[in-house]
C-alpha atoms as a PDB file:
ATOM      1  CA  MET A   1     -20.359  -7.954   1.656  1.00  0.00           C
ATOM      2  CA  HIS A   2     -18.686  -5.417   3.541  1.00  0.00           C
ATOM      3  CA  ALA A   3     -15.094  -3.941   4.061  1.00  0.00           C
ATOM      4  CA  MET A   4     -14.259  -3.502   7.779  1.00  0.00           C
ATOM      5  CA  THR A   5     -11.310  -2.928  10.243  1.00  0.00           C
ATOM      6  CA  GLY A   6     -11.212  -3.351  13.449  1.00  0.00           C
ATOM      7  CA  THR A   7     -11.795  -6.350  16.410  1.00  0.00           C
ATOM      8  CA  LYS A   8     -13.493  -9.678  16.173  1.00  0.00           C
ATOM      9  CA  LYS A   9     -16.125  -8.013  18.245  1.00  0.00           C
ATOM     10  CA  THR A  10     -16.571  -5.100  16.088  1.00  0.00           C
ATOM     11  CA  LYS A  11     -17.133  -7.583  13.316  1.00  0.00           C
ATOM     12  CA  TYR A  12     -19.443  -9.456  14.819  1.00  0.00           C
ATOM     13  CA  CYS A  13     -21.647  -6.513  16.031  1.00  0.00           C
ATOM     14  CA  VAL A  14     -21.556  -5.152  12.455  1.00  0.00           C
ATOM     15  CA  ASP A  15     -22.187  -8.873  11.058  1.00  0.00           C
ATOM     16  CA  GLN A  16     -25.303  -8.738  13.516  1.00  0.00           C
ATOM     17  CA  LEU A  17     -26.592  -5.259  12.625  1.00  0.00           C
ATOM     18  CA  LEU A  18     -26.595  -6.061   9.088  1.00  0.00           C
ATOM     19  CA  LYS A  19     -29.145  -8.982   9.403  1.00  0.00           C
ATOM     20  CA  LEU A  20     -31.365  -6.191  10.866  1.00  0.00           C
ATOM     21  CA  PRO A  21     -34.187  -4.847   8.656  1.00  0.00           C
ATOM     22  CA  ALA A  22     -33.184  -1.512   6.728  1.00  0.00           C
ATOM     23  CA  ALA A  23     -35.127   0.754   9.253  1.00  0.00           C
ATOM     24  CA  ASP A  24     -33.510  -0.894  12.534  1.00  0.00           C
ATOM     25  CA  ARG A  25     -30.088  -0.516  10.223  1.00  0.00           C
ATOM     26  CA  ALA A  26     -30.685   3.193   9.834  1.00  0.00           C
ATOM     27  CA  ALA A  27     -31.500   3.943  13.682  1.00  0.00           C
ATOM     28  CA  ALA A  28     -28.601   2.130  14.553  1.00  0.00           C
ATOM     29  CA  ALA A  29     -26.530   4.230  12.283  1.00  0.00           C
ATOM     30  CA  GLN A  30     -27.896   7.320  13.409  1.00  0.00           C
ATOM     31  CA  ALA A  31     -27.338   6.369  16.922  1.00  0.00           C
ATOM     32  CA  LEU A  32     -23.534   5.474  16.225  1.00  0.00           C
ATOM     33  CA  LEU A  33     -23.271   8.956  14.479  1.00  0.00           C
ATOM     34  CA  GLN A  34     -24.758  10.638  17.376  1.00  0.00           C
ATOM     35  CA  SER A  35     -22.417   8.913  19.729  1.00  0.00           C
ATOM     36  CA  LEU A  36     -19.503  10.168  17.466  1.00  0.00           C
ATOM     37  CA  GLU A  37     -20.407  13.870  17.795  1.00  0.00           C
ATOM     38  CA  GLY A  38     -18.214  15.975  19.973  1.00  0.00           C
ATOM     39  CA  GLU A  39     -15.712  13.506  19.479  1.00  0.00           C
ATOM     40  CA  GLN A  40     -12.264  15.346  18.612  1.00  0.00           C
ATOM     41  CA  PRO A  41     -11.212  14.138  15.381  1.00  0.00           C
ATOM     42  CA  ALA A  42      -7.288  13.011  14.857  1.00  0.00           C
ATOM     43  CA  PRO A  43      -4.829  15.649  15.101  1.00  0.00           C
ATOM     44  CA  ARG A  44      -3.800  16.786  11.744  1.00  0.00           C
ATOM     45  CA  LEU A  45      -0.233  17.972  11.212  1.00  0.00           C
ATOM     46  CA  SER A  46      -0.217  21.858  11.648  1.00  0.00           C
ATOM     47  CA  GLN A  47       0.678  24.106   8.728  1.00  0.00           C
ATOM     48  CA  ALA A  48       3.896  25.205  10.926  1.00  0.00           C
ATOM     49  CA  TRP A  49       5.054  21.587  10.962  1.00  0.00           C
ATOM     50  CA  ALA A  50       4.892  21.064   7.322  1.00  0.00           C
ATOM     51  CA  ASP A  51       6.718  24.166   6.458  1.00  0.00           C
ATOM     52  CA  GLU A  52       9.492  22.819   9.069  1.00  0.00           C
ATOM     53  CA  ILE A  53       9.618  19.398   7.383  1.00  0.00           C
ATOM     54  CA  GLN A  54       9.666  21.062   4.090  1.00  0.00           C
ATOM     55  CA  ARG A  55      12.457  23.298   5.090  1.00  0.00           C
ATOM     56  CA  ARG A  56      14.651  20.514   6.524  1.00  0.00           C
ATOM     57  CA  ILE A  57      14.099  18.718   3.520  1.00  0.00           C
ATOM     58  CA  GLU A  58      15.389  21.426   1.267  1.00  0.00           C
ATOM     59  CA  GLU A  59      18.239  22.275   3.537  1.00  0.00           C
ATOM     60  CA  ASP A  60      19.231  18.521   3.035  1.00  0.00           C
ATOM     61  CA  ALA A  61      18.518  18.361  -0.454  1.00  0.00           C
ATOM     62  CA  PRO A  62      17.849  21.660  -2.125  1.00  0.00           C
ATOM     63  CA  GLY A  63      15.913  21.329  -5.336  1.00  0.00           C
ATOM     64  CA  ILE A  64      15.998  17.265  -5.400  1.00  0.00           C
ATOM     65  CA  PRO A  65      12.579  15.599  -5.348  1.00  0.00           C
ATOM     66  CA  ALA A  66      12.221  13.292  -2.029  1.00  0.00           C
ATOM     67  CA  SER A  67      11.998  10.236  -4.475  1.00  0.00           C
ATOM     68  CA  ILE A  68      15.414  10.958  -5.968  1.00  0.00           C
ATOM     69  CA  VAL A  69      16.690  11.525  -2.338  1.00  0.00           C
ATOM     70  CA  PHE A  70      14.863   8.333  -1.382  1.00  0.00           C
ATOM     71  CA  SER A  71      16.309   6.442  -4.356  1.00  0.00           C
ATOM     72  CA  GLU A  72      19.806   7.484  -3.684  1.00  0.00           C
ATOM     73  CA  GLY A  73      19.469   6.347   0.020  1.00  0.00           C
ATOM     74  CA  ARG A  74      18.012   2.967  -0.746  1.00  0.00           C
ATOM     75  CA  ALA A  75      21.270   2.476  -3.326  1.00  0.00           C
ATOM     76  CA  ARG A  76      23.724   3.608  -0.758  1.00  0.00           C
ATOM     77  CA  LEU A  77      22.427   1.346   1.822  1.00  0.00           C
ATOM     78  CA  ARG A  78      22.096  -1.818  -0.745  1.00  0.00           C
ATOM     79  CA  LYS A  79      25.613  -0.996  -1.142  1.00  0.00           C
ATOM     80  CA  LEU A  80      26.773  -1.701   2.339  1.00  0.00           C
ATOM     81  CA  ARG A  81      24.408  -4.613   2.431  1.00  0.00           C
ATOM     82  CA  PRO A  82      23.210  -6.538  -0.720  1.00  0.00           C
ATOM     83  CA  LEU A  83      19.945  -8.164  -0.539  1.00  0.00           C
ATOM     84  CA  SER A  84      20.103 -11.869  -0.151  1.00  0.00           C
ATOM     85  CA  SER A  85      18.670 -13.900  -2.984  1.00  0.00           C
END
């Protein structure tokens, strides 16, 4: 069994590839990997943005962990609009 995300077409293709003999699957895998060479990876958060986010967190809640800030915000929202049972 294999885990996969994507479209039905992708799932179908993978299912078909998995039925092939090992040598054919290896060739298909190599071709897929070669097709990805030169692809740009998803952009990562630059260090400058990470620093800016941290600065803004500290500015809004100096010395308070984000989990506490979240918990406090959630508690305030629940007071405004309690959860229905």
